[in-house]
Amino acid sequence: MIALTAGQMLSEHENPGEATVHVLHGWVRLGAGEMSWDGVPGDLLIVPDRRHTLEALEDAAVLLTVAKHS
């Protein structure tokens, strides 16, 4: 689980494997290059297979799920 206050951002980082972000509270923006996807409570965002950011547009809590292959 990741909690971010409004305006806080996870800076650009690599994709850890197949991953999703389930928005539990607030409003977030997942960005990768020129593309971005907004999420609100109940949304499930698929993390792109490239460098990306996660920004809280409001106080937010998300559940990050990662499937790593051996």
PDB file of N, CA and C in Angstrom:
ATOM      1  N   MET A   1       0.854  -1.154   0.000  1.00  0.00           N
ATOM      2  CA  MET A   1       0.000   0.000   0.000  1.00  0.00           C
ATOM      3  C   MET A   1       0.911   1.231   0.000  1.00  0.00           C
ATOM      4  N   ILE A   2       0.516   2.239  -0.765  1.00  0.00           N
ATOM      5  CA  ILE A   2       1.270   3.491  -0.868  1.00  0.00           C
ATOM      6  C   ILE A   2       0.302   4.628  -0.572  1.00  0.00           C
ATOM      7  N   ALA A   3       0.686   5.513   0.331  1.00  0.00           N
ATOM      8  CA  ALA A   3      -0.109   6.704   0.639  1.00  0.00           C
ATOM      9  C   ALA A   3       0.690   7.935   0.232  1.00  0.00           C
ATOM     10  N   LEU A   4       0.032   8.853  -0.463  1.00  0.00           N
ATOM     11  CA  LEU A   4       0.673  10.087  -0.924  1.00  0.00           C
ATOM     12  C   LEU A   4      -0.228  11.261  -0.575  1.00  0.00           C
ATOM     13  N   THR A   5       0.363  12.374  -0.162  1.00  0.00           N
ATOM     14  CA  THR A   5      -0.421  13.587   0.058  1.00  0.00           C
ATOM     15  C   THR A   5      -0.521  14.350  -1.257  1.00  0.00           C
ATOM     16  N   ALA A   6      -1.527  15.181  -1.373  1.00  0.00           N
ATOM     17  CA  ALA A   6      -1.758  15.951  -2.598  1.00  0.00           C
ATOM     18  C   ALA A   6      -0.471  16.655  -3.029  1.00  0.00           C
ATOM     19  N   GLY A   7      -0.106  16.496  -4.306  1.00  0.00           N
ATOM     20  CA  GLY A   7       1.090  17.126  -4.848  1.00  0.00           C
ATOM     21  C   GLY A   7       2.343  16.278  -4.741  1.00  0.00           C
ATOM     22  N   GLN A   8       2.301  15.217  -3.952  1.00  0.00           N
ATOM     23  CA  GLN A   8       3.462  14.347  -3.800  1.00  0.00           C
ATOM     24  C   GLN A   8       3.561  13.411  -5.007  1.00  0.00           C
ATOM     25  N   MET A   9       4.796  13.068  -5.386  1.00  0.00           N
ATOM     26  CA  MET A   9       5.004  12.232  -6.568  1.00  0.00           C
ATOM     27  C   MET A   9       6.090  11.206  -6.319  1.00  0.00           C
ATOM     28  N   LEU A  10       5.868  10.007  -6.843  1.00  0.00           N
ATOM     29  CA  LEU A  10       6.946   9.023  -6.921  1.00  0.00           C
ATOM     30  C   LEU A  10       7.660   9.333  -8.226  1.00  0.00           C
ATOM     31  N   SER A  11       8.929   9.721  -8.130  1.00  0.00           N
ATOM     32  CA  SER A  11       9.659  10.133  -9.328  1.00  0.00           C
ATOM     33  C   SER A  11       9.788   8.975 -10.305  1.00  0.00           C
ATOM     34  N   GLU A  12      10.173   9.302 -11.520  1.00  0.00           N
ATOM     35  CA  GLU A  12      10.255   8.308 -12.583  1.00  0.00           C
ATOM     36  C   GLU A  12      11.128   7.132 -12.157  1.00  0.00           C
ATOM     37  N   HIS A  13      10.596   5.930 -12.366  1.00  0.00           N
ATOM     38  CA  HIS A  13      11.309   4.719 -11.994  1.00  0.00           C
ATOM     39  C   HIS A  13      10.936   3.593 -12.954  1.00  0.00           C
ATOM     40  N   GLU A  14      11.720   2.522 -12.908  1.00  0.00           N
ATOM     41  CA  GLU A  14      11.507   1.364 -13.787  1.00  0.00           C
ATOM     42  C   GLU A  14      10.290   0.565 -13.336  1.00  0.00           C
ATOM     43  N   ASN A  15       9.716  -0.154 -14.276  1.00  0.00           N
ATOM     44  CA  ASN A  15       8.628  -1.063 -13.975  1.00  0.00           C
ATOM     45  C   ASN A  15       9.210  -2.274 -13.248  1.00  0.00           C
ATOM     46  N   PRO A  16       8.642  -2.654 -12.073  1.00  0.00           N
ATOM     47  CA  PRO A  16       9.190  -3.767 -11.304  1.00  0.00           C
ATOM     48  C   PRO A  16       8.782  -5.136 -11.833  1.00  0.00           C
ATOM     49  N   GLY A  17       7.930  -5.191 -12.828  1.00  0.00           N
ATOM     50  CA  GLY A  17       7.365  -6.436 -13.354  1.00  0.00           C
ATOM     51  C   GLY A  17       5.924  -6.140 -13.725  1.00  0.00           C
ATOM     52  N   GLU A  18       5.149  -7.140 -14.085  1.00  0.00           N
ATOM     53  CA  GLU A  18       3.740  -6.894 -14.377  1.00  0.00           C
ATOM     54  C   GLU A  18       3.102  -6.319 -13.117  1.00  0.00           C
ATOM     55  N   ALA A  19       2.462  -5.141 -13.247  1.00  0.00           N
ATOM     56  CA  ALA A  19       1.967  -4.463 -12.053  1.00  0.00           C
ATOM     57  C   ALA A  19       0.680  -3.709 -12.321  1.00  0.00           C
ATOM     58  N   THR A  20      -0.111  -3.578 -11.249  1.00  0.00           N
ATOM     59  CA  THR A  20      -1.324  -2.769 -11.288  1.00  0.00           C
ATOM     60  C   THR A  20      -1.343  -1.853 -10.078  1.00  0.00           C
ATOM     61  N   VAL A  21      -2.080  -0.749 -10.213  1.00  0.00           N
ATOM     62  CA  VAL A  21      -2.310   0.190  -9.117  1.00  0.00           C
ATOM     63  C   VAL A  21      -3.823   0.267  -8.923  1.00  0.00           C
ATOM     64  N   HIS A  22      -4.306  -0.180  -7.765  1.00  0.00           N
ATOM     65  CA  HIS A  22      -5.727  -0.105  -7.427  1.00  0.00           C
ATOM     66  C   HIS A  22      -5.911   1.124  -6.541  1.00  0.00           C
ATOM     67  N   VAL A  23      -6.683   2.092  -7.015  1.00  0.00           N
ATOM     68  CA  VAL A  23      -6.886   3.332  -6.262  1.00  0.00           C
ATOM     69  C   VAL A  23      -7.929   3.081  -5.174  1.00  0.00           C
ATOM     70  N   LEU A  24      -7.517   3.283  -3.926  1.00  0.00           N
ATOM     71  CA  LEU A  24      -8.396   3.072  -2.785  1.00  0.00           C
ATOM     72  C   LEU A  24      -9.037   4.367  -2.314  1.00  0.00           C
ATOM     73  N   HIS A  25      -8.298   5.468  -2.438  1.00  0.00           N
ATOM     74  CA  HIS A  25      -8.753   6.765  -1.928  1.00  0.00           C
ATOM     75  C   HIS A  25      -8.081   7.860  -2.739  1.00  0.00           C
ATOM     76  N   GLY A  26      -8.794   8.933  -3.012  1.00  0.00           N
ATOM     77  CA  GLY A  26      -8.200  10.102  -3.653  1.00  0.00           C
ATOM     78  C   GLY A  26      -8.162  10.012  -5.170  1.00  0.00           C
ATOM     79  N   TRP A  27      -7.233  10.778  -5.739  1.00  0.00           N
ATOM     80  CA  TRP A  27      -7.109  10.926  -7.189  1.00  0.00           C
ATOM     81  C   TRP A  27      -5.635  10.911  -7.527  1.00  0.00           C
ATOM     82  N   VAL A  28      -5.222  10.020  -8.429  1.00  0.00           N
ATOM     83  CA  VAL A  28      -3.813   9.902  -8.807  1.00  0.00           C
ATOM     84  C   VAL A  28      -3.666   9.974 -10.317  1.00  0.00           C
ATOM     85  N   ARG A  29      -2.439  10.237 -10.744  1.00  0.00           N
ATOM     86  CA  ARG A  29      -2.119  10.238 -12.175  1.00  0.00           C
ATOM     87  C   ARG A  29      -0.868   9.375 -12.369  1.00  0.00           C
ATOM     88  N   LEU A  30      -0.999   8.361 -13.194  1.00  0.00           N
ATOM     89  CA  LEU A  30       0.100   7.491 -13.580  1.00  0.00           C
ATOM     90  C   LEU A  30       0.601   8.004 -14.929  1.00  0.00           C
ATOM     91  N   GLY A  31       1.873   8.335 -15.010  1.00  0.00           N
ATOM     92  CA  GLY A  31       2.406   8.907 -16.243  1.00  0.00           C
ATOM     93  C   GLY A  31       3.583   8.119 -16.772  1.00  0.00           C
ATOM     94  N   ALA A  32       3.658   8.044 -18.109  1.00  0.00           N
ATOM     95  CA  ALA A  32       4.789   7.383 -18.773  1.00  0.00           C
ATOM     96  C   ALA A  32       5.036   8.132 -20.078  1.00  0.00           C
ATOM     97  N   GLY A  33       6.129   8.872 -20.122  1.00  0.00           N
ATOM     98  CA  GLY A  33       6.419   9.677 -21.305  1.00  0.00           C
ATOM     99  C   GLY A  33       5.333  10.716 -21.518  1.00  0.00           C
ATOM    100  N   GLU A  34       4.781  10.774 -22.716  1.00  0.00           N
ATOM    101  CA  GLU A  34       3.741  11.757 -23.048  1.00  0.00           C
ATOM    102  C   GLU A  34       2.338  11.278 -22.670  1.00  0.00           C
ATOM    103  N   MET A  35       2.206  10.038 -22.201  1.00  0.00           N
ATOM    104  CA  MET A  35       0.890   9.485 -21.871  1.00  0.00           C
ATOM    105  C   MET A  35       0.654   9.520 -20.367  1.00  0.00           C
ATOM    106  N   SER A  36      -0.627   9.651 -19.973  1.00  0.00           N
ATOM    107  CA  SER A  36      -0.967   9.577 -18.557  1.00  0.00           C
ATOM    108  C   SER A  36      -2.381   9.026 -18.397  1.00  0.00           C
ATOM    109  N   TRP A  37      -2.626   8.470 -17.229  1.00  0.00           N
ATOM    110  CA  TRP A  37      -3.915   7.888 -16.903  1.00  0.00           C
ATOM    111  C   TRP A  37      -4.292   8.334 -15.496  1.00  0.00           C
ATOM    112  N   ASP A  38      -5.493   8.873 -15.341  1.00  0.00           N
ATOM    113  CA  ASP A  38      -5.984   9.292 -14.027  1.00  0.00           C
ATOM    114  C   ASP A  38      -6.769   8.156 -13.401  1.00  0.00           C
ATOM    115  N   GLY A  39      -6.685   8.073 -12.077  1.00  0.00           N
ATOM    116  CA  GLY A  39      -7.425   7.054 -11.349  1.00  0.00           C
ATOM    117  C   GLY A  39      -8.097   7.636 -10.127  1.00  0.00           C
ATOM    118  N   VAL A  40      -9.308   7.177  -9.872  1.00  0.00           N
ATOM    119  CA  VAL A  40     -10.095   7.562  -8.691  1.00  0.00           C
ATOM    120  C   VAL A  40     -10.509   6.274  -7.986  1.00  0.00           C
ATOM    121  N   PRO A  41     -11.070   6.365  -6.771  1.00  0.00           N
ATOM    122  CA  PRO A  41     -11.389   5.154  -6.023  1.00  0.00           C
ATOM    123  C   PRO A  41     -12.147   4.110  -6.851  1.00  0.00           C
ATOM    124  N   GLY A  42     -11.629   2.884  -6.799  1.00  0.00           N
ATOM    125  CA  GLY A  42     -12.214   1.769  -7.526  1.00  0.00           C
ATOM    126  C   GLY A  42     -11.527   1.483  -8.842  1.00  0.00           C
ATOM    127  N   ASP A  43     -10.747   2.438  -9.363  1.00  0.00           N
ATOM    128  CA  ASP A  43     -10.054   2.227 -10.641  1.00  0.00           C
ATOM    129  C   ASP A  43      -8.848   1.306 -10.453  1.00  0.00           C
ATOM    130  N   LEU A  44      -8.600   0.488 -11.478  1.00  0.00           N
ATOM    131  CA  LEU A  44      -7.423  -0.376 -11.521  1.00  0.00           C
ATOM    132  C   LEU A  44      -6.606   0.053 -12.738  1.00  0.00           C
ATOM    133  N   LEU A  45      -5.424   0.607 -12.481  1.00  0.00           N
ATOM    134  CA  LEU A  45      -4.548   1.087 -13.545  1.00  0.00           C
ATOM    135  C   LEU A  45      -3.458   0.058 -13.802  1.00  0.00           C
ATOM    136  N   ILE A  46      -3.214  -0.249 -15.059  1.00  0.00           N
ATOM    137  CA  ILE A  46      -2.132  -1.157 -15.422  1.00  0.00           C
ATOM    138  C   ILE A  46      -0.867  -0.329 -15.593  1.00  0.00           C
ATOM    139  N   VAL A  47       0.170  -0.702 -14.855  1.00  0.00           N
ATOM    140  CA  VAL A  47       1.433   0.031 -14.917  1.00  0.00           C
ATOM    141  C   VAL A  47       2.113  -0.303 -16.246  1.00  0.00           C
ATOM    142  N   PRO A  48       2.478   0.717 -17.032  1.00  0.00           N
ATOM    143  CA  PRO A  48       3.103   0.461 -18.337  1.00  0.00           C
ATOM    144  C   PRO A  48       4.468  -0.204 -18.179  1.00  0.00           C
ATOM    145  N   ASP A  49       4.852  -0.947 -19.179  1.00  0.00           N
ATOM    146  CA  ASP A  49       6.125  -1.671 -19.164  1.00  0.00           C
ATOM    147  C   ASP A  49       7.259  -0.741 -19.592  1.00  0.00           C
ATOM    148  N   ARG A  50       7.412   0.356 -18.881  1.00  0.00           N
ATOM    149  CA  ARG A  50       8.494   1.327 -19.126  1.00  0.00           C
ATOM    150  C   ARG A  50       8.576   2.255 -17.919  1.00  0.00           C
ATOM    151  N   ARG A  51       9.510   3.184 -17.944  1.00  0.00           N
ATOM    152  CA  ARG A  51       9.671   4.130 -16.827  1.00  0.00           C
ATOM    153  C   ARG A  51       8.387   4.924 -16.664  1.00  0.00           C
ATOM    154  N   HIS A  52       8.034   5.211 -15.408  1.00  0.00           N
ATOM    155  CA  HIS A  52       6.761   5.876 -15.142  1.00  0.00           C
ATOM    156  C   HIS A  52       6.825   6.632 -13.816  1.00  0.00           C
ATOM    157  N   THR A  53       5.815   7.461 -13.585  1.00  0.00           N
ATOM    158  CA  THR A  53       5.671   8.221 -12.336  1.00  0.00           C
ATOM    159  C   THR A  53       4.274   7.971 -11.786  1.00  0.00           C
ATOM    160  N   LEU A  54       4.096   8.302 -10.517  1.00  0.00           N
ATOM    161  CA  LEU A  54       2.776   8.272  -9.895  1.00  0.00           C
ATOM    162  C   LEU A  54       2.644   9.550  -9.073  1.00  0.00           C
ATOM    163  N   GLU A  55       1.632  10.344  -9.380  1.00  0.00           N
ATOM    164  CA  GLU A  55       1.420  11.631  -8.718  1.00  0.00           C
ATOM    165  C   GLU A  55       0.055  11.642  -8.039  1.00  0.00           C
ATOM    166  N   ALA A  56       0.008  12.185  -6.816  1.00  0.00           N
ATOM    167  CA  ALA A  56      -1.260  12.345  -6.105  1.00  0.00           C
ATOM    168  C   ALA A  56      -1.827  13.723  -6.427  1.00  0.00           C
ATOM    169  N   LEU A  57      -2.972  13.759  -7.077  1.00  0.00           N
ATOM    170  CA  LEU A  57      -3.640  15.025  -7.366  1.00  0.00           C
ATOM    171  C   LEU A  57      -4.487  15.457  -6.175  1.00  0.00           C
ATOM    172  N   GLU A  58      -4.829  14.508  -5.322  1.00  0.00           N
ATOM    173  CA  GLU A  58      -5.472  14.714  -4.015  1.00  0.00           C
ATOM    174  C   GLU A  58      -4.781  13.750  -3.067  1.00  0.00           C
ATOM    175  N   ASP A  59      -4.975  13.911  -1.755  1.00  0.00           N
ATOM    176  CA  ASP A  59      -4.476  12.901  -0.821  1.00  0.00           C
ATOM    177  C   ASP A  59      -4.980  11.553  -1.318  1.00  0.00           C
ATOM    178  N   ALA A  60      -4.092  10.563  -1.376  1.00  0.00           N
ATOM    179  CA  ALA A  60      -4.468   9.306  -2.002  1.00  0.00           C
ATOM    180  C   ALA A  60      -3.822   8.108  -1.316  1.00  0.00           C
ATOM    181  N   ALA A  61      -4.482   6.965  -1.497  1.00  0.00           N
ATOM    182  CA  ALA A  61      -3.918   5.672  -1.074  1.00  0.00           C
ATOM    183  C   ALA A  61      -4.175   4.689  -2.206  1.00  0.00           C
ATOM    184  N   VAL A  62      -3.135   3.935  -2.562  1.00  0.00           N
ATOM    185  CA  VAL A  62      -3.251   2.958  -3.639  1.00  0.00           C
ATOM    186  C   VAL A  62      -2.655   1.635  -3.186  1.00  0.00           C
ATOM    187  N   LEU A  63      -3.125   0.568  -3.807  1.00  0.00           N
ATOM    188  CA  LEU A  63      -2.569  -0.751  -3.560  1.00  0.00           C
ATOM    189  C   LEU A  63      -1.796  -1.155  -4.814  1.00  0.00           C
ATOM    190  N   LEU A  64      -0.491  -1.322  -4.664  1.00  0.00           N
ATOM    191  CA  LEU A  64       0.378  -1.743  -5.766  1.00  0.00           C
ATOM    192  C   LEU A  64       0.520  -3.259  -5.707  1.00  0.00           C
ATOM    193  N   THR A  65       0.220  -3.929  -6.809  1.00  0.00           N
ATOM    194  CA  THR A  65       0.390  -5.381  -6.901  1.00  0.00           C
ATOM    195  C   THR A  65       1.353  -5.664  -8.031  1.00  0.00           C
ATOM    196  N   VAL A  66       2.390  -6.467  -7.730  1.00  0.00           N
ATOM    197  CA  VAL A  66       3.420  -6.786  -8.720  1.00  0.00           C
ATOM    198  C   VAL A  66       3.529  -8.302  -8.851  1.00  0.00           C
ATOM    199  N   ALA A  67       3.532  -8.784 -10.090  1.00  0.00           N
ATOM    200  CA  ALA A  67       3.752 -10.211 -10.369  1.00  0.00           C
ATOM    201  C   ALA A  67       5.146 -10.335 -10.978  1.00  0.00           C
ATOM    202  N   LYS A  68       6.062 -10.895 -10.233  1.00  0.00           N
ATOM    203  CA  LYS A  68       7.430 -11.079 -10.736  1.00  0.00           C
ATOM    204  C   LYS A  68       7.583 -12.506 -11.203  1.00  0.00           C
ATOM    205  N   HIS A  69       8.200 -12.648 -12.365  1.00  0.00           N
ATOM    206  CA  HIS A  69       8.448 -13.971 -12.916  1.00  0.00           C
ATOM    207  C   HIS A  69       9.877 -14.389 -12.577  1.00  0.00           C
ATOM    208  N   SER A  70      10.053 -15.654 -12.234  1.00  0.00           N
ATOM    209  CA  SER A  70      11.400 -16.127 -11.900  1.00  0.00           C
ATOM    210  C   SER A  70      12.160 -16.516 -13.129  1.00  0.00           C
TER     211      SER A  70
END
